[in-house]
N, C-alpha and C. Protein backbone atom coordinates (compact mmCIF):
# COMPACT_ATOMS: atom_id res chain seq x y z
N MET A 1 110.60 116.67 122.43
CA MET A 1 111.30 115.68 121.64
C MET A 1 110.52 114.37 121.74
N PHE A 2 110.53 113.60 120.67
CA PHE A 2 109.86 112.32 120.65
C PHE A 2 110.70 111.36 119.83
N GLU A 3 110.35 110.09 119.89
CA GLU A 3 111.08 109.07 119.13
C GLU A 3 110.12 108.35 118.20
N ILE A 4 110.63 108.00 117.02
CA ILE A 4 109.89 107.22 116.05
C ILE A 4 110.79 106.09 115.59
N GLU A 5 110.19 105.05 115.04
CA GLU A 5 110.99 103.92 114.57
C GLU A 5 111.14 103.98 113.06
N ILE A 6 112.39 103.94 112.61
CA ILE A 6 112.72 103.89 111.18
C ILE A 6 113.81 102.85 111.02
N ASN A 7 113.66 101.98 110.05
CA ASN A 7 114.65 100.92 109.80
C ASN A 7 114.89 100.06 111.05
N GLY A 8 113.85 99.88 111.87
CA GLY A 8 113.98 99.07 113.07
C GLY A 8 114.74 99.73 114.20
N LYS A 9 115.04 101.01 114.07
CA LYS A 9 115.78 101.74 115.10
C LYS A 9 114.96 102.93 115.58
N GLN A 10 115.13 103.28 116.85
CA GLN A 10 114.49 104.47 117.40
C GLN A 10 115.29 105.70 116.97
N VAL A 11 114.60 106.68 116.43
CA VAL A 11 115.23 107.92 115.97
C VAL A 11 114.56 109.08 116.70
N LYS A 12 115.37 109.97 117.24
CA LYS A 12 114.84 111.15 117.92
C LYS A 12 114.40 112.19 116.91
N ALA A 13 113.31 112.87 117.22
CA ALA A 13 112.79 113.93 116.37
C ALA A 13 112.24 115.02 117.28
N GLU A 14 112.15 116.23 116.75
CA GLU A 14 111.65 117.35 117.54
C GLU A 14 110.99 118.35 116.61
N VAL A 15 109.88 118.91 117.04
CA VAL A 15 109.21 119.96 116.27
C VAL A 15 109.34 121.26 117.04
N SER A 16 109.90 122.26 116.38
CA SER A 16 110.02 123.60 116.95
C SER A 16 109.84 124.59 115.80
N PHE A 17 109.93 125.86 116.09
CA PHE A 17 109.86 126.85 115.03
C PHE A 17 111.02 126.64 114.05
N TYR A 18 112.15 126.17 114.58
CA TYR A 18 113.31 125.90 113.72
C TYR A 18 112.99 124.82 112.69
N THR A 19 112.14 123.86 113.05
CA THR A 19 111.73 122.81 112.11
C THR A 19 111.08 123.44 110.88
N ALA A 20 110.25 124.43 111.10
CA ALA A 20 109.60 125.12 109.98
C ALA A 20 110.62 125.87 109.13
N VAL A 21 111.64 126.42 109.75
CA VAL A 21 112.71 127.11 109.02
C VAL A 21 113.49 126.11 108.16
N ILE A 22 113.89 125.00 108.77
CA ILE A 22 114.62 123.96 108.04
C ILE A 22 113.80 123.49 106.84
N TYR A 23 112.51 123.25 107.07
CA TYR A 23 111.61 122.78 106.02
C TYR A 23 111.55 123.80 104.88
N GLU A 24 111.36 125.06 105.24
CA GLU A 24 111.25 126.10 104.21
C GLU A 24 112.55 126.25 103.43
N GLN A 25 113.68 126.19 104.11
CA GLN A 25 114.97 126.31 103.42
C GLN A 25 115.21 125.15 102.46
N GLU A 26 114.83 123.95 102.86
CA GLU A 26 115.06 122.76 102.03
C GLU A 26 114.07 122.65 100.88
N PHE A 27 112.79 122.95 101.15
CA PHE A 27 111.74 122.66 100.17
C PHE A 27 111.09 123.91 99.57
N MET A 28 111.54 125.10 99.97
CA MET A 28 111.01 126.37 99.46
C MET A 28 109.48 126.42 99.56
N SER A 29 108.97 125.95 100.70
CA SER A 29 107.54 125.88 100.89
C SER A 29 107.22 126.00 102.37
N ASP A 30 105.98 126.31 102.69
CA ASP A 30 105.54 126.48 104.06
C ASP A 30 105.12 125.13 104.65
N MET A 31 105.78 124.72 105.73
CA MET A 31 105.53 123.42 106.34
C MET A 31 104.08 123.25 106.79
N LEU A 32 103.52 124.25 107.46
CA LEU A 32 102.16 124.13 107.97
C LEU A 32 101.14 124.03 106.85
N GLN A 33 101.32 124.82 105.81
CA GLN A 33 100.40 124.74 104.67
C GLN A 33 100.50 123.39 103.99
N ASP A 34 101.71 122.92 103.79
CA ASP A 34 101.90 121.63 103.13
C ASP A 34 101.36 120.47 103.96
N PHE A 35 101.64 120.49 105.25
CA PHE A 35 101.27 119.37 106.11
C PHE A 35 99.78 119.29 106.36
N PHE A 36 99.16 120.42 106.70
CA PHE A 36 97.75 120.42 107.03
C PHE A 36 96.83 120.68 105.85
N GLY A 37 97.31 121.38 104.81
CA GLY A 37 96.45 121.67 103.67
C GLY A 37 95.26 122.50 104.11
N VAL A 38 94.15 122.35 103.41
CA VAL A 38 92.92 123.06 103.76
C VAL A 38 92.14 122.23 104.76
N GLN A 39 91.80 122.83 105.86
CA GLN A 39 91.06 122.14 106.92
C GLN A 39 89.75 122.88 107.16
N LYS A 40 88.67 122.15 107.29
CA LYS A 40 87.37 122.74 107.57
C LYS A 40 86.72 121.97 108.72
N ALA A 41 86.03 122.67 109.62
CA ALA A 41 85.41 122.04 110.80
C ALA A 41 84.10 121.38 110.44
N ASP A 42 83.81 120.20 111.03
CA ASP A 42 82.54 119.50 110.80
C ASP A 42 81.35 120.29 111.35
N SER A 43 81.57 120.98 112.45
CA SER A 43 80.56 121.88 112.99
C SER A 43 81.29 123.17 113.39
N PRO A 44 80.58 124.28 113.43
CA PRO A 44 81.25 125.55 113.70
C PRO A 44 82.09 125.51 114.99
N ILE A 45 83.31 126.01 114.88
CA ILE A 45 84.23 126.11 116.02
C ILE A 45 84.56 127.58 116.18
N ASP A 46 84.44 128.08 117.41
CA ASP A 46 84.76 129.48 117.66
C ASP A 46 86.23 129.64 117.98
N VAL A 47 86.93 130.42 117.17
CA VAL A 47 88.34 130.72 117.39
C VAL A 47 88.49 132.23 117.41
N ASP A 48 88.67 132.78 118.59
CA ASP A 48 88.81 134.23 118.77
C ASP A 48 87.69 135.02 118.09
N GLY A 49 86.47 134.54 118.25
CA GLY A 49 85.32 135.24 117.69
C GLY A 49 85.00 134.89 116.25
N ASP A 50 85.88 134.15 115.59
CA ASP A 50 85.62 133.72 114.22
C ASP A 50 85.08 132.30 114.24
N SER A 51 84.18 132.00 113.33
CA SER A 51 83.59 130.67 113.26
C SER A 51 84.21 129.88 112.11
N ILE A 52 84.81 128.73 112.47
CA ILE A 52 85.40 127.85 111.47
C ILE A 52 84.36 126.79 111.15
N ILE A 53 84.20 126.45 109.88
CA ILE A 53 83.10 125.59 109.48
C ILE A 53 83.42 124.10 109.39
N LYS A 54 84.55 123.71 108.84
CA LYS A 54 84.79 122.28 108.65
C LYS A 54 86.27 121.94 108.65
N ILE A 55 86.63 120.82 109.31
CA ILE A 55 88.00 120.30 109.27
C ILE A 55 87.93 118.91 108.66
N ASP A 56 88.68 118.68 107.59
CA ASP A 56 88.69 117.39 106.91
C ASP A 56 90.10 116.82 106.96
N PHE A 57 90.30 115.80 107.80
CA PHE A 57 91.61 115.20 107.95
C PHE A 57 91.77 113.97 107.07
N THR A 58 90.85 113.73 106.14
CA THR A 58 90.91 112.52 105.32
C THR A 58 91.91 112.64 104.17
N LYS A 59 92.27 113.83 103.82
CA LYS A 59 93.23 114.02 102.73
C LYS A 59 94.61 114.24 103.33
N ILE A 60 95.45 113.26 103.20
CA ILE A 60 96.78 113.32 103.80
C ILE A 60 97.83 113.45 102.71
N ASN A 61 98.68 114.44 102.85
CA ASN A 61 99.79 114.63 101.93
C ASN A 61 100.99 113.86 102.50
N TRP A 62 101.16 112.61 102.06
CA TRP A 62 102.20 111.76 102.62
C TRP A 62 103.60 112.26 102.32
N ALA A 63 103.81 112.82 101.14
CA ALA A 63 105.13 113.36 100.81
C ALA A 63 105.49 114.49 101.77
N SER A 64 104.52 115.33 102.09
CA SER A 64 104.74 116.40 103.04
C SER A 64 105.04 115.84 104.43
N ALA A 65 104.34 114.79 104.82
CA ALA A 65 104.58 114.17 106.12
C ALA A 65 106.01 113.65 106.21
N MET A 66 106.51 113.07 105.13
CA MET A 66 107.89 112.58 105.13
C MET A 66 108.88 113.73 105.21
N LYS A 67 108.58 114.84 104.55
CA LYS A 67 109.45 116.01 104.62
C LYS A 67 109.46 116.60 106.03
N VAL A 68 108.29 116.69 106.64
CA VAL A 68 108.21 117.21 108.00
C VAL A 68 108.96 116.28 108.96
N LEU A 69 108.82 114.98 108.76
CA LEU A 69 109.54 114.02 109.59
C LEU A 69 111.04 114.26 109.49
N TRP A 70 111.55 114.40 108.28
CA TRP A 70 112.98 114.68 108.10
C TRP A 70 113.38 115.97 108.83
N ALA A 71 112.58 117.02 108.66
CA ALA A 71 112.90 118.30 109.30
C ALA A 71 112.88 118.16 110.82
N ALA A 72 111.98 117.35 111.37
CA ALA A 72 111.92 117.14 112.81
C ALA A 72 113.14 116.35 113.30
N VAL A 73 113.55 115.34 112.52
CA VAL A 73 114.75 114.58 112.86
C VAL A 73 115.97 115.49 112.78
N LYS A 74 116.03 116.34 111.75
CA LYS A 74 117.14 117.29 111.59
C LYS A 74 117.16 118.30 112.74
N THR A 75 115.98 118.70 113.23
CA THR A 75 115.91 119.62 114.36
C THR A 75 116.53 118.98 115.60
N ALA A 76 116.24 117.70 115.81
CA ALA A 76 116.77 116.99 116.98
C ALA A 76 118.25 116.67 116.84
N ASN A 77 118.71 116.48 115.59
CA ASN A 77 120.11 116.11 115.35
C ASN A 77 120.60 116.82 114.10
N ASP A 78 121.32 117.91 114.29
CA ASP A 78 121.77 118.74 113.17
C ASP A 78 122.68 118.00 112.19
N SER A 79 123.26 116.88 112.62
CA SER A 79 124.15 116.13 111.72
C SER A 79 123.38 115.17 110.81
N THR A 80 122.05 115.19 110.87
CA THR A 80 121.24 114.36 109.99
C THR A 80 121.56 114.71 108.54
N ALA A 81 121.67 113.68 107.70
CA ALA A 81 122.01 113.86 106.29
C ALA A 81 120.97 114.72 105.57
N ALA A 82 121.37 115.24 104.42
CA ALA A 82 120.46 116.01 103.57
C ALA A 82 119.23 115.15 103.24
N TYR A 83 118.12 115.79 102.94
CA TYR A 83 116.85 115.09 102.72
C TYR A 83 116.97 113.93 101.74
N SER A 84 117.50 114.16 100.56
CA SER A 84 117.54 113.09 99.56
C SER A 84 118.42 111.93 100.01
N THR A 85 119.51 112.21 100.67
CA THR A 85 120.40 111.16 101.18
C THR A 85 119.69 110.38 102.29
N TRP A 86 119.06 111.10 103.20
CA TRP A 86 118.35 110.47 104.31
C TRP A 86 117.21 109.60 103.80
N MET A 87 116.45 110.10 102.81
CA MET A 87 115.31 109.37 102.27
C MET A 87 115.72 108.07 101.58
N LYS A 88 116.89 108.04 100.99
CA LYS A 88 117.34 106.82 100.33
C LYS A 88 117.49 105.67 101.31
N LYS A 89 117.78 105.98 102.58
CA LYS A 89 118.00 104.95 103.59
C LYS A 89 116.80 104.72 104.49
N ALA A 90 115.83 105.62 104.47
CA ALA A 90 114.67 105.51 105.36
C ALA A 90 113.68 104.50 104.80
N LYS A 91 113.30 103.56 105.63
CA LYS A 91 112.28 102.56 105.25
C LYS A 91 111.79 101.90 106.52
N GLY A 92 110.76 101.08 106.38
CA GLY A 92 110.27 100.34 107.53
C GLY A 92 109.66 101.21 108.61
N ALA A 93 108.93 102.24 108.24
CA ALA A 93 108.30 103.14 109.20
C ALA A 93 106.78 103.01 109.10
N ASN A 94 106.10 103.23 110.21
CA ASN A 94 104.64 103.24 110.21
C ASN A 94 104.19 104.70 110.07
N MET A 95 104.00 105.15 108.85
CA MET A 95 103.67 106.55 108.60
C MET A 95 102.30 106.94 109.15
N TRP A 96 101.39 105.98 109.36
CA TRP A 96 100.12 106.32 110.00
C TRP A 96 100.38 106.86 111.39
N LEU A 97 101.19 106.12 112.16
CA LEU A 97 101.50 106.56 113.53
C LEU A 97 102.39 107.79 113.54
N ILE A 98 103.36 107.82 112.66
CA ILE A 98 104.27 108.95 112.60
C ILE A 98 103.54 110.23 112.22
N ARG A 99 102.64 110.15 111.25
CA ARG A 99 101.88 111.32 110.82
C ARG A 99 101.04 111.85 111.97
N GLU A 100 100.42 110.94 112.73
CA GLU A 100 99.61 111.34 113.88
C GLU A 100 100.48 112.00 114.95
N GLN A 101 101.64 111.42 115.19
CA GLN A 101 102.57 111.97 116.18
C GLN A 101 103.06 113.36 115.74
N LEU A 102 103.38 113.49 114.46
CA LEU A 102 103.80 114.80 113.94
C LEU A 102 102.70 115.83 114.09
N ALA A 103 101.47 115.44 113.77
CA ALA A 103 100.33 116.37 113.89
C ALA A 103 100.19 116.84 115.33
N ASP A 104 100.33 115.92 116.29
CA ASP A 104 100.24 116.29 117.70
C ASP A 104 101.37 117.25 118.09
N GLU A 105 102.58 116.93 117.66
CA GLU A 105 103.75 117.77 118.00
C GLU A 105 103.65 119.15 117.36
N ILE A 106 103.22 119.22 116.11
CA ILE A 106 103.08 120.50 115.42
C ILE A 106 101.99 121.34 116.08
N SER A 107 100.86 120.71 116.39
CA SER A 107 99.77 121.44 117.05
C SER A 107 100.22 121.98 118.40
N ASP A 108 100.97 121.16 119.16
CA ASP A 108 101.45 121.59 120.46
C ASP A 108 102.44 122.75 120.33
N CYS A 109 103.26 122.72 119.30
CA CYS A 109 104.27 123.76 119.11
C CYS A 109 103.66 125.07 118.58
N PHE A 110 102.77 124.98 117.61
CA PHE A 110 102.31 126.17 116.90
C PHE A 110 100.90 126.64 117.27
N PHE A 111 100.06 125.77 117.81
CA PHE A 111 98.65 126.13 117.99
C PHE A 111 98.11 125.83 119.38
N ARG A 112 98.88 126.06 120.40
CA ARG A 112 98.43 125.81 121.77
C ARG A 112 97.33 126.79 122.15
N ALA A 113 96.33 126.27 122.83
CA ALA A 113 95.26 127.13 123.32
C ALA A 113 95.69 127.84 124.60
N GLU A 114 96.57 127.20 125.38
CA GLU A 114 97.04 127.78 126.62
C GLU A 114 98.50 128.16 126.49
N PRO A 115 99.00 128.98 127.39
CA PRO A 115 100.42 129.37 127.32
C PRO A 115 101.35 128.16 127.43
N ALA A 116 102.47 128.24 126.77
CA ALA A 116 103.46 127.17 126.82
C ALA A 116 104.01 127.05 128.22
N GLY A 117 104.36 125.81 128.61
CA GLY A 117 104.91 125.58 129.93
C GLY A 117 106.38 125.93 130.03
N GLU A 118 107.06 126.00 128.92
CA GLU A 118 108.49 126.29 128.92
C GLU A 118 108.73 127.75 128.55
N LYS A 119 109.75 128.32 129.15
CA LYS A 119 110.11 129.70 128.81
C LYS A 119 111.21 129.67 127.76
N ILE A 120 111.11 130.57 126.78
CA ILE A 120 112.13 130.69 125.75
C ILE A 120 113.19 131.66 126.27
N SER A 121 114.45 131.24 126.18
CA SER A 121 115.51 132.13 126.64
C SER A 121 116.37 132.58 125.51
């Protein structure tokens, strides 16, 4: 769980597999595909014997970042309003920092190189 500032207030958010489910149910789309888009490595990266060529993080889908943010807030607090209602009131956020924080949280949740420290029960 992490906190971000929206409207001058700290808001709790969380990224889990459930976040991807909430996102897909609300937007009929895949959260990871929307958020990361096509990524290519600047130099070859070995991933399980496969070589990835290029990652380009310069193209940011800001609408997707806002949707993922909502889904993460909804994951942390199920009583969060529906997306369109929530978006009408959301303002005053630093999406550069939030997008970076979301990317870190999503990578930690879905793409860890090492085993997770927490056990799922």
